[in-house]
Amino acid sequence: MSIGRRNLAALAAALAVLVVMLSGVPATPADKTLDDLLFDLQLVPLEGKTPPPFELERLADGQRVSLASLKGQALFLYFWATW
């Protein structure tokens, strides 16, 4: 059975979320806000801030996608490294 690149990327993302959820993060206290929870996971929104320009290669077709081409759209970037 062959798994396509898109399906493999979706599976990897789902597994990463599952690992984070099961990694021993304590139960959420009722007094924590969403911003506090995102900060704990080092997911800090850049709302109102301008990120530096950059381009990435799209996994599906190899085309380059620039951050500027996605202006006005909601965007979630998650950089993960194992070093």
PDB file of N, CA and C in Angstrom:
ATOM      1  N   MET A   1       0.844  -1.176   0.000  1.00  0.00           N
ATOM      2  CA  MET A   1       0.000   0.000   0.000  1.00  0.00           C
ATOM      3  C   MET A   1       0.888   1.239   0.000  1.00  0.00           C
ATOM      4  N   SER A   2       0.658   2.126  -0.918  1.00  0.00           N
ATOM      5  CA  SER A   2       1.477   3.325  -1.064  1.00  0.00           C
ATOM      6  C   SER A   2       0.793   4.512  -0.394  1.00  0.00           C
ATOM      7  N   ILE A   3       1.554   5.220   0.432  1.00  0.00           N
ATOM      8  CA  ILE A   3       1.034   6.422   1.093  1.00  0.00           C
ATOM      9  C   ILE A   3       1.608   7.621   0.357  1.00  0.00           C
ATOM     10  N   GLY A   4       0.740   8.522  -0.105  1.00  0.00           N
ATOM     11  CA  GLY A   4       1.195   9.718  -0.802  1.00  0.00           C
ATOM     12  C   GLY A   4       1.884  10.684   0.144  1.00  0.00           C
ATOM     13  N   ARG A   5       2.616  11.632  -0.437  1.00  0.00           N
ATOM     14  CA  ARG A   5       3.344  12.614   0.378  1.00  0.00           C
ATOM     15  C   ARG A   5       2.402  13.445   1.233  1.00  0.00           C
ATOM     16  N   ARG A   6       1.263  13.808   0.671  1.00  0.00           N
ATOM     17  CA  ARG A   6       0.299  14.625   1.416  1.00  0.00           C
ATOM     18  C   ARG A   6      -0.260  13.844   2.604  1.00  0.00           C
ATOM     19  N   ASN A   7      -0.608  12.571   2.357  1.00  0.00           N
ATOM     20  CA  ASN A   7      -1.128  11.743   3.450  1.00  0.00           C
ATOM     21  C   ASN A   7      -0.053  11.494   4.501  1.00  0.00           C
ATOM     22  N   LEU A   8       1.178  11.313   4.058  1.00  0.00           N
ATOM     23  CA  LEU A   8       2.275  11.096   5.000  1.00  0.00           C
ATOM     24  C   LEU A   8       2.507  12.341   5.851  1.00  0.00           C
ATOM     25  N   ALA A   9       2.422  13.522   5.241  1.00  0.00           N
ATOM     26  CA  ALA A   9       2.588  14.775   5.987  1.00  0.00           C
ATOM     27  C   ALA A   9       1.451  14.954   6.988  1.00  0.00           C
ATOM     28  N   ALA A  10       0.229  14.622   6.595  1.00  0.00           N
ATOM     29  CA  ALA A  10      -0.918  14.730   7.506  1.00  0.00           C
ATOM     30  C   ALA A  10      -0.773  13.750   8.663  1.00  0.00           C
ATOM     31  N   LEU A  11      -0.298  12.550   8.374  1.00  0.00           N
ATOM     32  CA  LEU A  11      -0.088  11.557   9.421  1.00  0.00           C
ATOM     33  C   LEU A  11       0.998  12.015  10.388  1.00  0.00           C
ATOM     34  N   ALA A  12       2.089  12.574   9.852  1.00  0.00           N
ATOM     35  CA  ALA A  12       3.168  13.076  10.704  1.00  0.00           C
ATOM     36  C   ALA A  12       2.681  14.209  11.594  1.00  0.00           C
ATOM     37  N   ALA A  13       1.870  15.107  11.047  1.00  0.00           N
ATOM     38  CA  ALA A  13       1.338  16.214  11.844  1.00  0.00           C
ATOM     39  C   ALA A  13       0.416  15.694  12.950  1.00  0.00           C
ATOM     40  N   ALA A  14      -0.431  14.723  12.616  1.00  0.00           N
ATOM     41  CA  ALA A  14      -1.335  14.158  13.623  1.00  0.00           C
ATOM     42  C   ALA A  14      -0.541  13.462  14.731  1.00  0.00           C
ATOM     43  N   LEU A  15       0.510  12.756  14.356  1.00  0.00           N
ATOM     44  CA  LEU A  15       1.339  12.092  15.362  1.00  0.00           C
ATOM     45  C   LEU A  15       2.056  13.105  16.242  1.00  0.00           C
ATOM     46  N   ALA A  16       2.518  14.209  15.650  1.00  0.00           N
ATOM     47  CA  ALA A  16       3.192  15.251  16.438  1.00  0.00           C
ATOM     48  C   ALA A  16       2.238  15.852  17.458  1.00  0.00           C
ATOM     49  N   VAL A  17       1.001  16.098  17.056  1.00  0.00           N
ATOM     50  CA  VAL A  17       0.003  16.636  17.987  1.00  0.00           C
ATOM     51  C   VAL A  17      -0.270  15.630  19.094  1.00  0.00           C
ATOM     52  N   LEU A  18      -0.362  14.359  18.737  1.00  0.00           N
ATOM     53  CA  LEU A  18      -0.609  13.317  19.730  1.00  0.00           C
ATOM     54  C   LEU A  18       0.547  13.221  20.724  1.00  0.00           C
ATOM     55  N   VAL A  19       1.772  13.305  20.240  1.00  0.00           N
ATOM     56  CA  VAL A  19       2.937  13.260  21.124  1.00  0.00           C
ATOM     57  C   VAL A  19       2.910  14.427  22.102  1.00  0.00           C
ATOM     58  N   VAL A  20       2.588  15.616  21.609  1.00  0.00           N
ATOM     59  CA  VAL A  20       2.517  16.784  22.485  1.00  0.00           C
ATOM     60  C   VAL A  20       1.427  16.592  23.533  1.00  0.00           C
ATOM     61  N   MET A  21       0.299  16.048  23.116  1.00  0.00           N
ATOM     62  CA  MET A  21      -0.805  15.855  24.043  1.00  0.00           C
ATOM     63  C   MET A  21      -0.474  14.822  25.121  1.00  0.00           C
ATOM     64  N   LEU A  22       0.311  13.822  24.770  1.00  0.00           N
ATOM     65  CA  LEU A  22       0.615  12.751  25.706  1.00  0.00           C
ATOM     66  C   LEU A  22       1.976  12.897  26.378  1.00  0.00           C
ATOM     67  N   SER A  23       2.634  14.021  26.206  1.00  0.00           N
ATOM     68  CA  SER A  23       4.006  14.179  26.684  1.00  0.00           C
ATOM     69  C   SER A  23       4.110  14.576  28.152  1.00  0.00           C
ATOM     70  N   GLY A  24       3.081  14.417  28.888  1.00  0.00           N
ATOM     71  CA  GLY A  24       3.154  14.723  30.303  1.00  0.00           C
ATOM     72  C   GLY A  24       2.782  16.151  30.632  1.00  0.00           C
ATOM     73  N   VAL A  25       2.155  16.844  29.705  1.00  0.00           N
ATOM     74  CA  VAL A  25       1.676  18.193  30.000  1.00  0.00           C
ATOM     75  C   VAL A  25       0.571  18.055  31.039  1.00  0.00           C
ATOM     76  N   PRO A  26       0.699  18.711  32.175  1.00  0.00           N
ATOM     77  CA  PRO A  26      -0.305  18.549  33.229  1.00  0.00           C
ATOM     78  C   PRO A  26      -1.675  19.041  32.792  1.00  0.00           C
ATOM     79  N   ALA A  27      -2.685  18.582  33.482  1.00  0.00           N
ATOM     80  CA  ALA A  27      -4.052  19.016  33.196  1.00  0.00           C
ATOM     81  C   ALA A  27      -4.145  20.529  33.305  1.00  0.00           C
ATOM     82  N   THR A  28      -4.982  21.118  32.500  1.00  0.00           N
ATOM     83  CA  THR A  28      -5.093  22.555  32.414  1.00  0.00           C
ATOM     84  C   THR A  28      -5.828  23.127  33.613  1.00  0.00           C
ATOM     85  N   PRO A  29      -5.176  24.004  34.373  1.00  0.00           N
ATOM     86  CA  PRO A  29      -5.893  24.677  35.456  1.00  0.00           C
ATOM     87  C   PRO A  29      -6.942  25.624  34.865  1.00  0.00           C
ATOM     88  N   ALA A  30      -8.026  25.808  35.577  1.00  0.00           N
ATOM     89  CA  ALA A  30      -9.126  26.623  35.078  1.00  0.00           C
ATOM     90  C   ALA A  30      -8.746  28.091  34.936  1.00  0.00           C
ATOM     91  N   ASP A  31      -7.718  28.558  35.656  1.00  0.00           N
ATOM     92  CA  ASP A  31      -7.380  29.977  35.606  1.00  0.00           C
ATOM     93  C   ASP A  31      -6.415  30.322  34.461  1.00  0.00           C
ATOM     94  N   LYS A  32      -5.969  29.345  33.706  1.00  0.00           N
ATOM     95  CA  LYS A  32      -5.064  29.630  32.584  1.00  0.00           C
ATOM     96  C   LYS A  32      -5.869  30.061  31.366  1.00  0.00           C
ATOM     97  N   THR A  33      -5.398  31.087  30.701  1.00  0.00           N
ATOM     98  CA  THR A  33      -6.063  31.545  29.488  1.00  0.00           C
ATOM     99  C   THR A  33      -5.445  30.829  28.289  1.00  0.00           C
ATOM    100  N   LEU A  34      -6.082  30.967  27.156  1.00  0.00           N
ATOM    101  CA  LEU A  34      -5.564  30.356  25.936  1.00  0.00           C
ATOM    102  C   LEU A  34      -4.159  30.880  25.631  1.00  0.00           C
ATOM    103  N   ASP A  35      -3.931  32.173  25.826  1.00  0.00           N
ATOM    104  CA  ASP A  35      -2.604  32.738  25.583  1.00  0.00           C
ATOM    105  C   ASP A  35      -1.554  32.090  26.466  1.00  0.00           C
ATOM    106  N   ASP A  36      -1.892  31.833  27.730  1.00  0.00           N
ATOM    107  CA  ASP A  36      -0.956  31.170  28.637  1.00  0.00           C
ATOM    108  C   ASP A  36      -0.643  29.752  28.165  1.00  0.00           C
ATOM    109  N   LEU A  37      -1.673  29.042  27.721  1.00  0.00           N
ATOM    110  CA  LEU A  37      -1.482  27.673  27.261  1.00  0.00           C
ATOM    111  C   LEU A  37      -0.622  27.629  26.002  1.00  0.00           C
ATOM    112  N   LEU A  38      -0.874  28.537  25.073  1.00  0.00           N
ATOM    113  CA  LEU A  38      -0.062  28.596  23.857  1.00  0.00           C
ATOM    114  C   LEU A  38       1.379  28.947  24.181  1.00  0.00           C
ATOM    115  N   PHE A  39       1.583  29.850  25.128  1.00  0.00           N
ATOM    116  CA  PHE A  39       2.933  30.226  25.525  1.00  0.00           C
ATOM    117  C   PHE A  39       3.657  29.037  26.156  1.00  0.00           C
ATOM    118  N   ASP A  40       2.953  28.254  26.976  1.00  0.00           N
ATOM    119  CA  ASP A  40       3.549  27.060  27.585  1.00  0.00           C
ATOM    120  C   ASP A  40       4.041  26.079  26.531  1.00  0.00           C
ATOM    121  N   LEU A  41       3.326  25.980  25.432  1.00  0.00           N
ATOM    122  CA  LEU A  41       3.722  25.092  24.338  1.00  0.00           C
ATOM    123  C   LEU A  41       4.661  25.775  23.348  1.00  0.00           C
ATOM    124  N   GLN A  42       5.069  26.986  23.666  1.00  0.00           N
ATOM    125  CA  GLN A  42       5.919  27.814  22.823  1.00  0.00           C
ATOM    126  C   GLN A  42       5.257  28.083  21.474  1.00  0.00           C
ATOM    127  N   LEU A  43       3.933  28.227  21.484  1.00  0.00           N
ATOM    128  CA  LEU A  43       3.163  28.612  20.313  1.00  0.00           C
ATOM    129  C   LEU A  43       2.694  30.037  20.552  1.00  0.00           C
ATOM    130  N   VAL A  44       3.490  30.990  20.137  1.00  0.00           N
ATOM    131  CA  VAL A  44       3.224  32.387  20.431  1.00  0.00           C
ATOM    132  C   VAL A  44       2.680  33.062  19.185  1.00  0.00           C
ATOM    133  N   PRO A  45       1.440  33.544  19.216  1.00  0.00           N
ATOM    134  CA  PRO A  45       0.882  34.219  18.037  1.00  0.00           C
ATOM    135  C   PRO A  45       1.604  35.531  17.756  1.00  0.00           C
ATOM    136  N   LEU A  46       1.746  35.827  16.478  1.00  0.00           N
ATOM    137  CA  LEU A  46       2.396  37.066  16.052  1.00  0.00           C
ATOM    138  C   LEU A  46       1.366  38.065  15.559  1.00  0.00           C
ATOM    139  N   GLU A  47       0.185  38.037  16.123  1.00  0.00           N
ATOM    140  CA  GLU A  47      -0.887  38.924  15.698  1.00  0.00           C
ATOM    141  C   GLU A  47      -0.448  40.378  15.834  1.00  0.00           C
ATOM    142  N   GLY A  48      -0.589  41.124  14.761  1.00  0.00           N
ATOM    143  CA  GLY A  48      -0.213  42.532  14.770  1.00  0.00           C
ATOM    144  C   GLY A  48       1.260  42.778  14.511  1.00  0.00           C
ATOM    145  N   LYS A  49       2.057  41.727  14.399  1.00  0.00           N
ATOM    146  CA  LYS A  49       3.484  41.869  14.119  1.00  0.00           C
ATOM    147  C   LYS A  49       3.764  41.389  12.702  1.00  0.00           C
ATOM    148  N   THR A  50       4.742  41.985  12.061  1.00  0.00           N
ATOM    149  CA  THR A  50       5.101  41.607  10.706  1.00  0.00           C
ATOM    150  C   THR A  50       6.285  40.650  10.738  1.00  0.00           C
ATOM    151  N   PRO A  51       6.103  39.415  10.270  1.00  0.00           N
ATOM    152  CA  PRO A  51       7.214  38.473  10.238  1.00  0.00           C
ATOM    153  C   PRO A  51       8.164  38.796   9.090  1.00  0.00           C
ATOM    154  N   PRO A  52       9.396  38.332   9.159  1.00  0.00           N
ATOM    155  CA  PRO A  52      10.321  38.578   8.062  1.00  0.00           C
ATOM    156  C   PRO A  52       9.883  37.793   6.819  1.00  0.00           C
ATOM    157  N   PRO A  53      10.181  38.306   5.629  1.00  0.00           N
ATOM    158  CA  PRO A  53       9.775  37.602   4.406  1.00  0.00           C
ATOM    159  C   PRO A  53      10.594  36.320   4.222  1.00  0.00           C
ATOM    160  N   PHE A  54       9.933  35.267   3.757  1.00  0.00           N
ATOM    161  CA  PHE A  54      10.633  34.030   3.424  1.00  0.00           C
ATOM    162  C   PHE A  54       9.775  33.195   2.494  1.00  0.00           C
ATOM    163  N   GLU A  55      10.392  32.173   1.900  1.00  0.00           N
ATOM    164  CA  GLU A  55       9.708  31.245   1.010  1.00  0.00           C
ATOM    165  C   GLU A  55       9.982  29.826   1.463  1.00  0.00           C
ATOM    166  N   LEU A  56       9.017  28.948   1.214  1.00  0.00           N
ATOM    167  CA  LEU A  56       9.161  27.531   1.505  1.00  0.00           C
ATOM    168  C   LEU A  56       8.732  26.728   0.286  1.00  0.00           C
ATOM    169  N   GLU A  57       9.230  25.506   0.192  1.00  0.00           N
ATOM    170  CA  GLU A  57       8.817  24.619  -0.885  1.00  0.00           C
ATOM    171  C   GLU A  57       7.601  23.821  -0.438  1.00  0.00           C
ATOM    172  N   ARG A  58       6.567  23.852  -1.256  1.00  0.00           N
ATOM    173  CA  ARG A  58       5.345  23.113  -0.955  1.00  0.00           C
ATOM    174  C   ARG A  58       5.617  21.623  -1.149  1.00  0.00           C
ATOM    175  N   LEU A  59       5.260  20.795  -0.165  1.00  0.00           N
ATOM    176  CA  LEU A  59       5.512  19.362  -0.246  1.00  0.00           C
ATOM    177  C   LEU A  59       4.719  18.691  -1.358  1.00  0.00           C
ATOM    178  N   ALA A  60       3.510  19.160  -1.598  1.00  0.00           N
ATOM    179  CA  ALA A  60       2.625  18.504  -2.553  1.00  0.00           C
ATOM    180  C   ALA A  60       3.163  18.547  -3.985  1.00  0.00           C
ATOM    181  N   ASP A  61       3.691  19.703  -4.407  1.00  0.00           N
ATOM    182  CA  ASP A  61       4.092  19.826  -5.814  1.00  0.00           C
ATOM    183  C   ASP A  61       5.457  20.472  -6.020  1.00  0.00           C
ATOM    184  N   GLY A  62       6.162  20.799  -4.966  1.00  0.00           N
ATOM    185  CA  GLY A  62       7.508  21.355  -5.089  1.00  0.00           C
ATOM    186  C   GLY A  62       7.550  22.832  -5.452  1.00  0.00           C
ATOM    187  N   GLN A  63       6.399  23.492  -5.596  1.00  0.00           N
ATOM    188  CA  GLN A  63       6.390  24.912  -5.941  1.00  0.00           C
ATOM    189  C   GLN A  63       6.777  25.741  -4.725  1.00  0.00           C
ATOM    190  N   ARG A  64       7.399  26.895  -4.993  1.00  0.00           N
ATOM    191  CA  ARG A  64       7.783  27.811  -3.919  1.00  0.00           C
ATOM    192  C   ARG A  64       6.578  28.647  -3.515  1.00  0.00           C
ATOM    193  N   VAL A  65       6.383  28.804  -2.212  1.00  0.00           N
ATOM    194  CA  VAL A  65       5.286  29.608  -1.676  1.00  0.00           C
ATOM    195  C   VAL A  65       5.901  30.663  -0.780  1.00  0.00           C
ATOM    196  N   SER A  66       5.578  31.923  -1.051  1.00  0.00           N
ATOM    197  CA  SER A  66       6.112  32.999  -0.223  1.00  0.00           C
ATOM    198  C   SER A  66       5.085  33.399   0.827  1.00  0.00           C
ATOM    199  N   LEU A  67       5.572  33.919   1.914  1.00  0.00           N
ATOM    200  CA  LEU A  67       4.699  34.390   2.963  1.00  0.00           C
ATOM    201  C   LEU A  67       3.836  35.552   2.451  1.00  0.00           C
ATOM    202  N   ALA A  68       4.422  36.396   1.602  1.00  0.00           N
ATOM    203  CA  ALA A  68       3.684  37.545   1.060  1.00  0.00           C
ATOM    204  C   ALA A  68       2.490  37.106   0.205  1.00  0.00           C
ATOM    205  N   SER A  69       2.595  35.938  -0.461  1.00  0.00           N
ATOM    206  CA  SER A  69       1.493  35.474  -1.309  1.00  0.00           C
ATOM    207  C   SER A  69       0.296  35.009  -0.481  1.00  0.00           C
ATOM    208  N   LEU A  70       0.485  34.816   0.821  1.00  0.00           N
ATOM    209  CA  LEU A  70      -0.595  34.363   1.694  1.00  0.00           C
ATOM    210  C   LEU A  70      -1.153  35.488   2.556  1.00  0.00           C
ATOM    211  N   LYS A  71      -0.799  36.729   2.224  1.00  0.00           N
ATOM    212  CA  LYS A  71      -1.247  37.874   3.017  1.00  0.00           C
ATOM    213  C   LYS A  71      -2.770  37.933   3.074  1.00  0.00           C
ATOM    214  N   GLY A  72      -3.292  38.183   4.271  1.00  0.00           N
ATOM    215  CA  GLY A  72      -4.731  38.280   4.467  1.00  0.00           C
ATOM    216  C   GLY A  72      -5.384  36.963   4.829  1.00  0.00           C
ATOM    217  N   GLN A  73      -4.629  35.872   4.808  1.00  0.00           N
ATOM    218  CA  GLN A  73      -5.162  34.559   5.160  1.00  0.00           C
ATOM    219  C   GLN A  73      -4.644  34.159   6.542  1.00  0.00           C
ATOM    220  N   ALA A  74      -5.436  33.386   7.250  1.00  0.00           N
ATOM    221  CA  ALA A  74      -4.963  32.849   8.526  1.00  0.00           C
ATOM    222  C   ALA A  74      -3.859  31.843   8.228  1.00  0.00           C
ATOM    223  N   LEU A  75      -2.809  31.881   9.017  1.00  0.00           N
ATOM    224  CA  LEU A  75      -1.648  31.039   8.738  1.00  0.00           C
ATOM    225  C   LEU A  75      -1.107  30.473  10.035  1.00  0.00           C
ATOM    226  N   PHE A  76      -0.812  29.195  10.039  1.00  0.00           N
ATOM    227  CA  PHE A  76      -0.221  28.533  11.194  1.00  0.00           C
ATOM    228  C   PHE A  76       1.093  27.923  10.740  1.00  0.00           C
ATOM    229  N   LEU A  77       2.196  28.441  11.252  1.00  0.00           N
ATOM    230  CA  LEU A  77       3.519  27.902  10.940  1.00  0.00           C
ATOM    231  C   LEU A  77       4.067  27.229  12.177  1.00  0.00           C
ATOM    232  N   TYR A  78       4.523  26.024  12.012  1.00  0.00           N
ATOM    233  CA  TYR A  78       5.099  25.297  13.133  1.00  0.00           C
ATOM    234  C   TYR A  78       6.418  24.709  12.665  1.00  0.00           C
ATOM    235  N   PHE A  79       7.510  25.209  13.201  1.00  0.00           N
ATOM    236  CA  PHE A  79       8.832  24.716  12.850  1.00  0.00           C
ATOM    237  C   PHE A  79       9.268  23.726  13.917  1.00  0.00           C
ATOM    238  N   TRP A  80       9.635  22.551  13.472  1.00  0.00           N
ATOM    239  CA  TRP A  80      10.008  21.505  14.412  1.00  0.00           C
ATOM    240  C   TRP A  80      11.376  20.976  14.014  1.00  0.00           C
ATOM    241  N   ALA A  81      12.253  20.882  14.956  1.00  0.00           N
ATOM    242  CA  ALA A  81      13.589  20.378  14.669  1.00  0.00           C
ATOM    243  C   ALA A  81      13.969  19.365  15.738  1.00  0.00           C
ATOM    244  N   THR A  82      14.901  18.498  15.393  1.00  0.00           N
ATOM    245  CA  THR A  82      15.307  17.449  16.319  1.00  0.00           C
ATOM    246  C   THR A  82      16.754  17.582  16.747  1.00  0.00           C
ATOM    247  N   TRP A  83      17.385  18.737  16.512  1.00  0.00           N
ATOM    248  CA  TRP A  83      18.777  18.851  16.886  1.00  0.00           C
ATOM    249  C   TRP A  83      18.993  19.156  18.322  1.00  0.00           C
TER     250      TRP A  83
END
